[in-house]
Every structure is written in structure tokens, then in C-alpha cells.
Amino acid sequence: MDDDPDFALVRRFRDGDRTAFGELVVRYQAPVYKAAFWVLRNADDAKDVAQDVFVKVAERIDEFDPRFRFFSWIYRIAVNESLNALRRHRREESLDEDFDASAGESADPEWQLAEAQTSRRVRGALLTMGTNDRTVLALRHFGECSYGEIARILDIDEKTVKSRLFDARQRLREMLQDLRQS
């Protein structure tokens, strides 16, 4: 734990070092935003939730248990805040077209176009899926969380995580079936 950079920042922040909190924000603003975006499917709402998450982190820093990864703790807050926002708004909006898609590393323009089109199709399919499916897929594949971390974040059993992931992947495969045939 002593060599964990996140824990060192948490300890410094608990001891009154405000710059340590700034470093945590810089380190986790993108993952928190992405977690919120994949649940909410709205860029502005995701920004609002991300801001709320960091306020909660600052207020509840003493609740962080150093036996677990800071990433898991903040991700859980992000997902919970996102789900709460979704319930509050009782709406699901379409994808914000300004979402940053990564370009392929290849210099071949045709390859880059094909990759961008595939990325848009996958992203679009994900965003039409239900909240539970999107959340577990985003945590596993974009947040790179383990099954145990996802279980802690969502406060569900690890077997439930595996089952939800299996079902969500099956539904995603069916939605993108034509991509595999190309």
C-alpha cells in the first residue's frame, strides 16, 4: 500500500494537502467522465456527474478503505451517481456526436475510415443497449475492471457480474452480427 501512488495522494489530501486532490482529479477525470457517459449517453450530463463525483470524493475521502484500489472506489461513486442522475431525469438521450473516437494508427486512409465506421457502429450499438448491459460492458472493457471490482462497484455478486457480462456480450454480438460477416 505504501508504494501505491493513489493511496499516497489520498493520505496527503487527508493531511490537508489540497494539491494532492488536484492530482487525483487530473488522474481520474477522464475515467470518471467516461463511466458517466456510458451510463447516461449525454456529454453534458456526464460532465455534471463527473463534477458531482469529485465533490463527493472530497467530502467522503475519510470513507476510502485503503485495502481496496482507489480506482474501484471512485468508479463505484461515478456509476452510482450516473444511475441516480438517470433515475432523476427518467430519460435516455441520443449519443452526443462530439464523442472523441480514437483514430487508427495506420496511415492508410481506407483502413482509418473502416475503423472509424466500425467504432461508430459499436459505440452506437452499445448506446442502444440497456443501462445494466452498458454499465458492465463499460466497466469491464473500457474501465478494465476485474469481475471482483465490478461486483464491488455495482454492489452485486461476482457471479451476477459474469452472467450480466455474458448476456450483454451475446446481445452486442447479435446487434453487430453483420460486421463479423464482412
N, C-alpha and C. Protein backbone atom coordinates (compact mmCIF):
# COMPACT_ATOMS: atom_id res chain seq x y z
N MET A 1 0.81 -1.19 0.00
CA MET A 1 0.00 0.00 0.00
C MET A 1 0.86 1.26 0.00
N ASP A 2 1.97 1.22 0.68
CA ASP A 2 2.83 2.41 0.76
C ASP A 2 3.37 2.82 -0.59
N ASP A 3 3.49 1.86 -1.53
CA ASP A 3 4.01 2.21 -2.85
C ASP A 3 2.90 2.53 -3.84
N ASP A 4 1.65 2.53 -3.40
CA ASP A 4 0.51 2.87 -4.25
C ASP A 4 0.42 4.39 -4.37
N PRO A 5 0.61 4.93 -5.59
CA PRO A 5 0.59 6.39 -5.75
C PRO A 5 -0.76 7.01 -5.39
N ASP A 6 -1.86 6.30 -5.65
CA ASP A 6 -3.18 6.82 -5.29
C ASP A 6 -3.32 6.95 -3.78
N PHE A 7 -2.89 5.92 -3.08
CA PHE A 7 -3.00 5.96 -1.63
C PHE A 7 -2.14 7.08 -1.06
N ALA A 8 -0.98 7.28 -1.65
CA ALA A 8 -0.12 8.38 -1.18
C ALA A 8 -0.81 9.73 -1.39
N LEU A 9 -1.49 9.90 -2.52
CA LEU A 9 -2.23 11.14 -2.76
C LEU A 9 -3.39 11.29 -1.79
N VAL A 10 -4.10 10.19 -1.53
CA VAL A 10 -5.22 10.23 -0.57
C VAL A 10 -4.70 10.63 0.81
N ARG A 11 -3.60 10.02 1.21
CA ARG A 11 -3.02 10.33 2.52
C ARG A 11 -2.63 11.80 2.60
N ARG A 12 -1.98 12.30 1.54
CA ARG A 12 -1.59 13.72 1.52
C ARG A 12 -2.82 14.63 1.60
N PHE A 13 -3.88 14.28 0.86
CA PHE A 13 -5.10 15.09 0.89
C PHE A 13 -5.73 15.06 2.27
N ARG A 14 -5.77 13.88 2.89
CA ARG A 14 -6.32 13.77 4.25
C ARG A 14 -5.52 14.61 5.23
N ASP A 15 -4.24 14.77 4.94
CA ASP A 15 -3.37 15.56 5.81
C ASP A 15 -3.42 17.06 5.48
N GLY A 16 -4.29 17.45 4.56
CA GLY A 16 -4.50 18.86 4.28
C GLY A 16 -3.85 19.39 3.02
N ASP A 17 -3.19 18.54 2.25
CA ASP A 17 -2.52 18.98 1.02
C ASP A 17 -3.55 19.03 -0.12
N ARG A 18 -4.02 20.22 -0.45
CA ARG A 18 -5.05 20.39 -1.49
C ARG A 18 -4.52 20.06 -2.88
N THR A 19 -3.23 20.21 -3.10
CA THR A 19 -2.68 19.89 -4.42
C THR A 19 -2.78 18.39 -4.71
N ALA A 20 -2.77 17.58 -3.66
CA ALA A 20 -2.91 16.13 -3.84
C ALA A 20 -4.28 15.80 -4.43
N PHE A 21 -5.31 16.52 -3.95
CA PHE A 21 -6.65 16.30 -4.50
C PHE A 21 -6.68 16.70 -5.98
N GLY A 22 -6.03 17.79 -6.32
CA GLY A 22 -5.94 18.21 -7.72
C GLY A 22 -5.30 17.15 -8.59
N GLU A 23 -4.29 16.49 -8.05
CA GLU A 23 -3.63 15.42 -8.80
C GLU A 23 -4.56 14.23 -9.01
N LEU A 24 -5.38 13.91 -7.99
CA LEU A 24 -6.37 12.84 -8.13
C LEU A 24 -7.40 13.19 -9.20
N VAL A 25 -7.83 14.44 -9.20
CA VAL A 25 -8.80 14.89 -10.21
C VAL A 25 -8.22 14.74 -11.61
N VAL A 26 -7.01 15.22 -11.79
CA VAL A 26 -6.37 15.13 -13.11
C VAL A 26 -6.23 13.66 -13.53
N ARG A 27 -5.85 12.81 -12.61
CA ARG A 27 -5.64 11.39 -12.90
C ARG A 27 -6.94 10.69 -13.26
N TYR A 28 -8.05 11.06 -12.61
CA TYR A 28 -9.29 10.30 -12.76
C TYR A 28 -10.42 11.03 -13.48
N GLN A 29 -10.19 12.25 -13.95
CA GLN A 29 -11.30 12.96 -14.59
C GLN A 29 -11.77 12.26 -15.86
N ALA A 30 -10.87 11.74 -16.67
CA ALA A 30 -11.28 11.05 -17.90
C ALA A 30 -12.02 9.74 -17.60
N PRO A 31 -11.49 8.85 -16.73
CA PRO A 31 -12.23 7.62 -16.44
C PRO A 31 -13.59 7.87 -15.80
N VAL A 32 -13.69 8.89 -14.94
CA VAL A 32 -14.97 9.20 -14.29
C VAL A 32 -15.96 9.71 -15.34
N TYR A 33 -15.49 10.60 -16.20
CA TYR A 33 -16.36 11.12 -17.26
C TYR A 33 -16.84 9.99 -18.16
N LYS A 34 -15.93 9.12 -18.57
CA LYS A 34 -16.29 8.01 -19.46
C LYS A 34 -17.30 7.08 -18.81
N ALA A 35 -17.11 6.78 -17.53
CA ALA A 35 -18.06 5.93 -16.82
C ALA A 35 -19.44 6.57 -16.83
N ALA A 36 -19.49 7.86 -16.55
CA ALA A 36 -20.77 8.58 -16.53
C ALA A 36 -21.38 8.62 -17.93
N PHE A 37 -20.55 8.86 -18.92
CA PHE A 37 -21.05 8.95 -20.29
C PHE A 37 -21.67 7.64 -20.75
N TRP A 38 -21.02 6.52 -20.44
CA TRP A 38 -21.54 5.23 -20.90
C TRP A 38 -22.86 4.87 -20.23
N VAL A 39 -23.10 5.40 -19.05
CA VAL A 39 -24.39 5.16 -18.40
C VAL A 39 -25.43 6.15 -18.91
N LEU A 40 -25.07 7.43 -19.00
CA LEU A 40 -26.04 8.49 -19.29
C LEU A 40 -26.25 8.75 -20.78
N ARG A 41 -25.24 8.49 -21.59
CA ARG A 41 -25.29 8.73 -23.03
C ARG A 41 -25.52 10.20 -23.37
N ASN A 42 -25.02 11.08 -22.54
CA ASN A 42 -25.17 12.51 -22.78
C ASN A 42 -23.94 13.22 -22.23
N ALA A 43 -23.26 13.96 -23.09
CA ALA A 43 -21.99 14.58 -22.70
C ALA A 43 -22.17 15.60 -21.57
N ASP A 44 -23.19 16.45 -21.65
CA ASP A 44 -23.38 17.46 -20.61
C ASP A 44 -23.72 16.83 -19.27
N ASP A 45 -24.59 15.83 -19.30
CA ASP A 45 -24.94 15.14 -18.04
C ASP A 45 -23.73 14.44 -17.45
N ALA A 46 -22.91 13.86 -18.31
CA ALA A 46 -21.70 13.17 -17.84
C ALA A 46 -20.74 14.15 -17.19
N LYS A 47 -20.61 15.35 -17.75
CA LYS A 47 -19.74 16.37 -17.16
C LYS A 47 -20.27 16.77 -15.78
N ASP A 48 -21.59 16.95 -15.68
CA ASP A 48 -22.19 17.31 -14.39
C ASP A 48 -21.96 16.23 -13.35
N VAL A 49 -22.16 14.99 -13.75
CA VAL A 49 -21.96 13.88 -12.82
C VAL A 49 -20.49 13.79 -12.41
N ALA A 50 -19.59 13.96 -13.34
CA ALA A 50 -18.16 13.90 -13.01
C ALA A 50 -17.81 14.95 -11.96
N GLN A 51 -18.36 16.13 -12.13
CA GLN A 51 -18.12 17.19 -11.15
C GLN A 51 -18.68 16.79 -9.78
N ASP A 52 -19.89 16.24 -9.76
CA ASP A 52 -20.50 15.78 -8.51
C ASP A 52 -19.67 14.69 -7.85
N VAL A 53 -19.11 13.81 -8.67
CA VAL A 53 -18.29 12.71 -8.14
C VAL A 53 -17.10 13.27 -7.37
N PHE A 54 -16.41 14.26 -7.92
CA PHE A 54 -15.24 14.79 -7.24
C PHE A 54 -15.61 15.57 -5.98
N VAL A 55 -16.78 16.18 -5.98
CA VAL A 55 -17.26 16.83 -4.74
C VAL A 55 -17.48 15.76 -3.67
N LYS A 56 -18.13 14.66 -4.07
CA LYS A 56 -18.38 13.56 -3.11
C LYS A 56 -17.06 12.95 -2.62
N VAL A 57 -16.12 12.79 -3.52
CA VAL A 57 -14.82 12.23 -3.13
C VAL A 57 -14.17 13.13 -2.09
N ALA A 58 -14.20 14.43 -2.33
CA ALA A 58 -13.60 15.38 -1.37
C ALA A 58 -14.31 15.31 -0.02
N GLU A 59 -15.62 15.19 -0.05
CA GLU A 59 -16.40 15.15 1.19
C GLU A 59 -16.24 13.83 1.93
N ARG A 60 -16.03 12.74 1.19
CA ARG A 60 -16.03 11.40 1.79
C ARG A 60 -14.66 10.73 1.77
N ILE A 61 -13.62 11.49 1.61
CA ILE A 61 -12.29 10.89 1.49
C ILE A 61 -11.94 10.01 2.69
N ASP A 62 -12.48 10.33 3.84
CA ASP A 62 -12.20 9.52 5.03
C ASP A 62 -12.88 8.15 4.98
N GLU A 63 -13.85 7.98 4.08
CA GLU A 63 -14.53 6.69 3.94
C GLU A 63 -13.76 5.73 3.04
N PHE A 64 -12.76 6.23 2.32
CA PHE A 64 -11.97 5.37 1.44
C PHE A 64 -11.22 4.34 2.26
N ASP A 65 -11.36 3.08 1.90
CA ASP A 65 -10.70 1.97 2.57
C ASP A 65 -9.46 1.60 1.77
N PRO A 66 -8.26 1.84 2.31
CA PRO A 66 -7.03 1.59 1.54
C PRO A 66 -6.76 0.11 1.23
N ARG A 67 -7.58 -0.79 1.75
CA ARG A 67 -7.41 -2.21 1.39
C ARG A 67 -7.83 -2.45 -0.05
N PHE A 68 -8.62 -1.51 -0.61
CA PHE A 68 -9.10 -1.64 -1.98
C PHE A 68 -8.46 -0.56 -2.84
N ARG A 69 -8.55 -0.73 -4.15
CA ARG A 69 -7.99 0.25 -5.06
C ARG A 69 -8.83 1.52 -5.05
N PHE A 70 -8.18 2.66 -5.10
CA PHE A 70 -8.87 3.94 -5.17
C PHE A 70 -9.72 3.99 -6.45
N PHE A 71 -9.18 3.46 -7.53
CA PHE A 71 -9.90 3.42 -8.80
C PHE A 71 -11.27 2.76 -8.64
N SER A 72 -11.33 1.64 -7.94
CA SER A 72 -12.61 0.94 -7.74
C SER A 72 -13.57 1.80 -6.94
N TRP A 73 -13.05 2.46 -5.92
CA TRP A 73 -13.90 3.29 -5.05
C TRP A 73 -14.48 4.47 -5.83
N ILE A 74 -13.67 5.18 -6.58
CA ILE A 74 -14.16 6.35 -7.31
C ILE A 74 -15.06 5.92 -8.47
N TYR A 75 -14.75 4.78 -9.07
CA TYR A 75 -15.58 4.29 -10.17
C TYR A 75 -16.97 3.92 -9.66
N ARG A 76 -17.01 3.35 -8.47
CA ARG A 76 -18.30 2.99 -7.88
C ARG A 76 -19.13 4.26 -7.63
N ILE A 77 -18.49 5.28 -7.12
CA ILE A 77 -19.19 6.55 -6.90
C ILE A 77 -19.70 7.09 -8.24
N ALA A 78 -18.86 7.03 -9.27
CA ALA A 78 -19.24 7.54 -10.59
C ALA A 78 -20.44 6.78 -11.15
N VAL A 79 -20.41 5.47 -11.06
CA VAL A 79 -21.52 4.68 -11.58
C VAL A 79 -22.79 4.95 -10.79
N ASN A 80 -22.68 4.99 -9.47
CA ASN A 80 -23.86 5.25 -8.64
C ASN A 80 -24.45 6.63 -8.91
N GLU A 81 -23.60 7.64 -9.02
CA GLU A 81 -24.07 8.98 -9.33
C GLU A 81 -24.73 9.03 -10.71
N SER A 82 -24.16 8.30 -11.66
CA SER A 82 -24.72 8.25 -13.01
C SER A 82 -26.09 7.59 -13.01
N LEU A 83 -26.21 6.48 -12.30
CA LEU A 83 -27.50 5.79 -12.21
C LEU A 83 -28.53 6.67 -11.50
N ASN A 84 -28.11 7.39 -10.47
CA ASN A 84 -29.01 8.31 -9.78
C ASN A 84 -29.48 9.42 -10.72
N ALA A 85 -28.56 9.95 -11.51
CA ALA A 85 -28.92 11.00 -12.47
C ALA A 85 -29.89 10.47 -13.52
N LEU A 86 -29.65 9.25 -13.96
CA LEU A 86 -30.53 8.63 -14.95
C LEU A 86 -31.94 8.48 -14.37
N ARG A 87 -32.03 8.05 -13.13
CA ARG A 87 -33.34 7.92 -12.47
C ARG A 87 -34.00 9.29 -12.32
N ARG A 88 -33.22 10.28 -11.92
CA ARG A 88 -33.77 11.63 -11.73
C ARG A 88 -34.33 12.18 -13.01
N HIS A 89 -33.61 12.01 -14.08
CA HIS A 89 -34.03 12.57 -15.37
C HIS A 89 -35.06 11.70 -16.06
N ARG A 90 -35.09 10.43 -15.72
CA ARG A 90 -36.02 9.48 -16.34
C ARG A 90 -36.04 9.62 -17.86
N ARG A 91 -34.85 9.73 -18.39
CA ARG A 91 -34.77 9.87 -19.83
C ARG A 91 -33.50 9.22 -20.33
N GLU A 92 -33.53 8.93 -21.60
CA GLU A 92 -32.34 8.43 -22.27
C GLU A 92 -32.20 9.21 -23.56
N GLU A 93 -31.08 9.92 -23.70
CA GLU A 93 -30.88 10.75 -24.87
C GLU A 93 -29.93 10.09 -25.84
N SER A 94 -29.93 10.59 -27.06
CA SER A 94 -29.07 10.03 -28.09
C SER A 94 -27.61 10.42 -27.85
N LEU A 95 -26.75 9.73 -28.52
CA LEU A 95 -25.31 9.94 -28.41
C LEU A 95 -24.93 11.34 -28.85
N ASP A 96 -24.09 11.98 -28.09
CA ASP A 96 -23.52 13.28 -28.49
C ASP A 96 -22.49 12.98 -29.56
N GLU A 97 -22.69 13.54 -30.73
CA GLU A 97 -21.81 13.26 -31.87
C GLU A 97 -20.39 13.74 -31.67
N ASP A 98 -20.15 14.58 -30.66
CA ASP A 98 -18.81 15.10 -30.43
C ASP A 98 -17.94 14.11 -29.66
N PHE A 99 -18.45 12.92 -29.38
CA PHE A 99 -17.69 11.94 -28.62
C PHE A 99 -16.37 11.67 -29.33
N ASP A 100 -15.28 11.64 -28.57
CA ASP A 100 -13.94 11.51 -29.13
C ASP A 100 -13.65 10.06 -29.50
N ALA A 101 -13.66 9.76 -30.77
CA ALA A 101 -13.31 8.42 -31.23
C ALA A 101 -11.83 8.41 -31.60
N SER A 102 -11.15 7.35 -31.19
CA SER A 102 -9.72 7.26 -31.48
C SER A 102 -9.52 6.88 -32.94
N ALA A 103 -8.62 7.54 -33.57
CA ALA A 103 -8.30 7.21 -34.96
C ALA A 103 -7.33 6.05 -34.98
N GLY A 104 -7.37 5.27 -36.06
CA GLY A 104 -6.46 4.15 -36.19
C GLY A 104 -5.03 4.63 -36.35
N GLU A 105 -4.09 3.78 -36.02
CA GLU A 105 -2.67 4.16 -36.10
C GLU A 105 -2.12 4.01 -37.50
N SER A 106 -2.87 3.33 -38.32
CA SER A 106 -2.39 3.10 -39.68
C SER A 106 -2.46 4.39 -40.49
N ALA A 107 -1.55 4.55 -41.42
CA ALA A 107 -1.55 5.72 -42.28
C ALA A 107 -2.50 5.53 -43.47
N ASP A 108 -3.03 4.34 -43.66
CA ASP A 108 -3.92 4.03 -44.77
C ASP A 108 -5.30 4.67 -44.53
N PRO A 109 -5.69 5.63 -45.36
CA PRO A 109 -6.97 6.32 -45.16
C PRO A 109 -8.18 5.39 -45.22
N GLU A 110 -8.13 4.39 -46.10
CA GLU A 110 -9.25 3.45 -46.19
C GLU A 110 -9.39 2.64 -44.90
N TRP A 111 -8.26 2.22 -44.36
CA TRP A 111 -8.28 1.47 -43.10
C TRP A 111 -8.83 2.35 -41.99
N GLN A 112 -8.38 3.62 -41.94
CA GLN A 112 -8.85 4.55 -40.91
C GLN A 112 -10.35 4.78 -41.03
N LEU A 113 -10.84 4.91 -42.26
CA LEU A 113 -12.28 5.10 -42.47
C LEU A 113 -13.05 3.87 -41.99
N ALA A 114 -12.57 2.69 -42.36
CA ALA A 114 -13.24 1.46 -41.93
C ALA A 114 -13.24 1.33 -40.41
N GLU A 115 -12.11 1.65 -39.78
CA GLU A 115 -12.02 1.60 -38.32
C GLU A 115 -12.98 2.59 -37.67
N ALA A 116 -13.06 3.80 -38.21
CA ALA A 116 -13.95 4.82 -37.66
C ALA A 116 -15.41 4.39 -37.80
N GLN A 117 -15.75 3.80 -38.95
CA GLN A 117 -17.12 3.33 -39.15
C GLN A 117 -17.46 2.19 -38.20
N THR A 118 -16.53 1.28 -38.02
CA THR A 118 -16.75 0.18 -37.10
C THR A 118 -16.89 0.70 -35.68
N SER A 119 -16.04 1.62 -35.30
CA SER A 119 -16.09 2.20 -33.96
C SER A 119 -17.44 2.88 -33.72
N ARG A 120 -17.91 3.62 -34.71
CA ARG A 120 -19.23 4.28 -34.58
C ARG A 120 -20.34 3.26 -34.43
N ARG A 121 -20.25 2.18 -35.21
CA ARG A 121 -21.29 1.13 -35.13
C ARG A 121 -21.30 0.48 -33.75
N VAL A 122 -20.11 0.14 -33.24
CA VAL A 122 -20.02 -0.49 -31.91
C VAL A 122 -20.53 0.47 -30.85
N ARG A 123 -20.07 1.71 -30.90
CA ARG A 123 -20.50 2.71 -29.93
C ARG A 123 -22.01 2.92 -30.00
N GLY A 124 -22.53 3.02 -31.21
CA GLY A 124 -23.97 3.19 -31.39
C GLY A 124 -24.75 2.01 -30.84
N ALA A 125 -24.25 0.81 -31.09
CA ALA A 125 -24.92 -0.40 -30.57
C ALA A 125 -24.89 -0.41 -29.05
N LEU A 126 -23.74 -0.08 -28.48
CA LEU A 126 -23.64 -0.03 -27.01
C LEU A 126 -24.65 0.94 -26.42
N LEU A 127 -24.81 2.07 -27.08
CA LEU A 127 -25.67 3.10 -26.53
C LEU A 127 -27.16 2.80 -26.70
N THR A 128 -27.49 1.81 -27.52
CA THR A 128 -28.89 1.40 -27.60
C THR A 128 -29.22 0.30 -26.61
N MET A 129 -28.20 -0.24 -25.99
CA MET A 129 -28.39 -1.32 -25.01
C MET A 129 -28.92 -0.75 -23.70
N GLY A 130 -29.47 -1.61 -22.88
CA GLY A 130 -29.98 -1.20 -21.58
C GLY A 130 -28.85 -0.74 -20.66
N THR A 131 -29.23 -0.04 -19.63
CA THR A 131 -28.25 0.53 -18.69
C THR A 131 -27.39 -0.54 -18.05
N ASN A 132 -27.97 -1.65 -17.61
CA ASN A 132 -27.18 -2.72 -16.98
C ASN A 132 -26.13 -3.27 -17.94
N ASP A 133 -26.54 -3.51 -19.19
CA ASP A 133 -25.61 -4.04 -20.18
C ASP A 133 -24.47 -3.05 -20.43
N ARG A 134 -24.84 -1.80 -20.69
CA ARG A 134 -23.82 -0.76 -20.96
C ARG A 134 -22.86 -0.63 -19.80
N THR A 135 -23.40 -0.65 -18.59
CA THR A 135 -22.57 -0.43 -17.41
C THR A 135 -21.54 -1.54 -17.24
N VAL A 136 -21.97 -2.80 -17.29
CA VAL A 136 -21.00 -3.88 -17.08
C VAL A 136 -20.00 -3.95 -18.22
N LEU A 137 -20.44 -3.71 -19.45
CA LEU A 137 -19.51 -3.72 -20.57
C LEU A 137 -18.50 -2.58 -20.45
N ALA A 138 -18.97 -1.40 -20.09
CA ALA A 138 -18.06 -0.26 -19.95
C ALA A 138 -17.06 -0.48 -18.83
N LEU A 139 -17.52 -1.00 -17.70
CA LEU A 139 -16.60 -1.23 -16.58
C LEU A 139 -15.55 -2.28 -16.94
N ARG A 140 -15.97 -3.33 -17.63
CA ARG A 140 -15.04 -4.41 -17.95
C ARG A 140 -14.08 -4.04 -19.08
N HIS A 141 -14.62 -3.47 -20.15
CA HIS A 141 -13.81 -3.29 -21.35
C HIS A 141 -13.21 -1.89 -21.50
N PHE A 142 -13.85 -0.89 -20.93
CA PHE A 142 -13.31 0.46 -21.03
C PHE A 142 -12.63 0.86 -19.73
N GLY A 143 -13.21 0.43 -18.62
CA GLY A 143 -12.62 0.72 -17.33
C GLY A 143 -11.60 -0.33 -16.91
N GLU A 144 -11.56 -1.44 -17.64
CA GLU A 144 -10.64 -2.55 -17.39
C GLU A 144 -10.71 -3.03 -15.95
N CYS A 145 -11.92 -3.09 -15.41
CA CYS A 145 -12.12 -3.58 -14.04
C CYS A 145 -12.20 -5.09 -14.04
N SER A 146 -11.75 -5.69 -12.96
CA SER A 146 -11.89 -7.14 -12.79
C SER A 146 -13.33 -7.45 -12.41
N TYR A 147 -13.70 -8.72 -12.45
CA TYR A 147 -15.05 -9.12 -12.05
C TYR A 147 -15.31 -8.71 -10.60
N GLY A 148 -14.33 -8.91 -9.74
CA GLY A 148 -14.47 -8.53 -8.33
C GLY A 148 -14.67 -7.03 -8.16
N GLU A 149 -13.92 -6.24 -8.93
CA GLU A 149 -14.07 -4.78 -8.84
C GLU A 149 -15.46 -4.35 -9.32
N ILE A 150 -15.93 -4.96 -10.41
CA ILE A 150 -17.26 -4.62 -10.91
C ILE A 150 -18.31 -5.00 -9.87
N ALA A 151 -18.14 -6.14 -9.25
CA ALA A 151 -19.09 -6.57 -8.22
C ALA A 151 -19.14 -5.56 -7.07
N ARG A 152 -17.98 -5.08 -6.64
CA ARG A 152 -17.94 -4.07 -5.57
C ARG A 152 -18.55 -2.75 -6.02
N ILE A 153 -18.23 -2.34 -7.25
CA ILE A 153 -18.73 -1.07 -7.76
C ILE A 153 -20.25 -1.09 -7.85
N LEU A 154 -20.81 -2.18 -8.38
CA LEU A 154 -22.25 -2.26 -8.59
C LEU A 154 -22.99 -2.86 -7.39
N ASP A 155 -22.23 -3.31 -6.41
CA ASP A 155 -22.80 -3.92 -5.21
C ASP A 155 -23.68 -5.12 -5.55
N ILE A 156 -23.10 -6.00 -6.39
CA ILE A 156 -23.77 -7.24 -6.76
C ILE A 156 -22.78 -8.38 -6.63
N ASP A 157 -23.28 -9.58 -6.69
CA ASP A 157 -22.44 -10.77 -6.57
C ASP A 157 -21.58 -10.94 -7.83
N GLU A 158 -20.38 -11.48 -7.65
CA GLU A 158 -19.47 -11.66 -8.77
C GLU A 158 -20.07 -12.58 -9.84
N LYS A 159 -20.83 -13.58 -9.43
CA LYS A 159 -21.48 -14.46 -10.40
C LYS A 159 -22.50 -13.69 -11.23
N THR A 160 -23.16 -12.74 -10.62
CA THR A 160 -24.12 -11.90 -11.34
C THR A 160 -23.39 -11.05 -12.37
N VAL A 161 -22.21 -10.55 -12.01
CA VAL A 161 -21.40 -9.78 -12.96
C VAL A 161 -21.08 -10.64 -14.17
N LYS A 162 -20.61 -11.85 -13.95
CA LYS A 162 -20.25 -12.73 -15.05
C LYS A 162 -21.46 -13.04 -15.93
N SER A 163 -22.59 -13.28 -15.29
CA SER A 163 -23.81 -13.57 -16.03
C SER A 163 -24.26 -12.37 -16.86
N ARG A 164 -24.23 -11.17 -16.25
CA ARG A 164 -24.63 -9.96 -16.99
C ARG A 164 -23.68 -9.70 -18.15
N LEU A 165 -22.38 -9.90 -17.92
CA LEU A 165 -21.42 -9.70 -19.00
C LEU A 165 -21.65 -10.68 -20.15
N PHE A 166 -21.88 -11.93 -19.81
CA PHE A 166 -22.12 -12.94 -20.83
C PHE A 166 -23.35 -12.55 -21.67
N ASP A 167 -24.44 -12.22 -20.99
CA ASP A 167 -25.68 -11.85 -21.69
C ASP A 167 -25.49 -10.59 -22.51
N ALA A 168 -24.82 -9.59 -21.96
CA ALA A 168 -24.61 -8.33 -22.67
C ALA A 168 -23.74 -8.55 -23.91
N ARG A 169 -22.71 -9.36 -23.78
CA ARG A 169 -21.85 -9.65 -24.93
C ARG A 169 -22.63 -10.37 -26.02
N GLN A 170 -23.50 -11.30 -25.63
CA GLN A 170 -24.32 -12.03 -26.60
C GLN A 170 -25.22 -11.05 -27.36
N ARG A 171 -25.87 -10.14 -26.61
CA ARG A 171 -26.75 -9.17 -27.26
C ARG A 171 -25.96 -8.26 -28.20
N LEU A 172 -24.77 -7.84 -27.77
CA LEU A 172 -23.93 -6.98 -28.61
C LEU A 172 -23.50 -7.73 -29.87
N ARG A 173 -23.12 -9.00 -29.73
CA ARG A 173 -22.74 -9.80 -30.89
C ARG A 173 -23.88 -9.87 -31.91
N GLU A 174 -25.10 -10.11 -31.40
CA GLU A 174 -26.26 -10.19 -32.28
C GLU A 174 -26.48 -8.86 -33.01
N MET A 175 -26.31 -7.76 -32.30
CA MET A 175 -26.52 -6.45 -32.90
C MET A 175 -25.47 -6.14 -33.98
N LEU A 176 -24.28 -6.68 -33.82
CA LEU A 176 -23.17 -6.39 -34.73
C LEU A 176 -22.82 -7.58 -35.62
N GLN A 177 -23.72 -8.50 -35.74
CA GLN A 177 -23.50 -9.73 -36.48
C GLN A 177 -23.00 -9.46 -37.90
N ASP A 178 -23.52 -8.46 -38.55
CA ASP A 178 -23.11 -8.17 -39.93
C ASP A 178 -21.66 -7.74 -40.04
N LEU A 179 -21.09 -7.18 -38.97
CA LEU A 179 -19.67 -6.78 -39.01
C LEU A 179 -18.76 -7.99 -39.10
N ARG A 180 -19.15 -9.08 -38.48
CA ARG A 180 -18.32 -10.29 -38.48
C ARG A 180 -18.35 -10.97 -39.84
N GLN A 181 -19.38 -10.72 -40.63
CA GLN A 181 -19.51 -11.37 -41.94
C GLN A 181 -18.80 -10.58 -43.03
N SER A 182 -18.40 -9.34 -42.72
CA SER A 182 -17.76 -8.50 -43.75
C SER A 182 -16.33 -8.89 -43.96
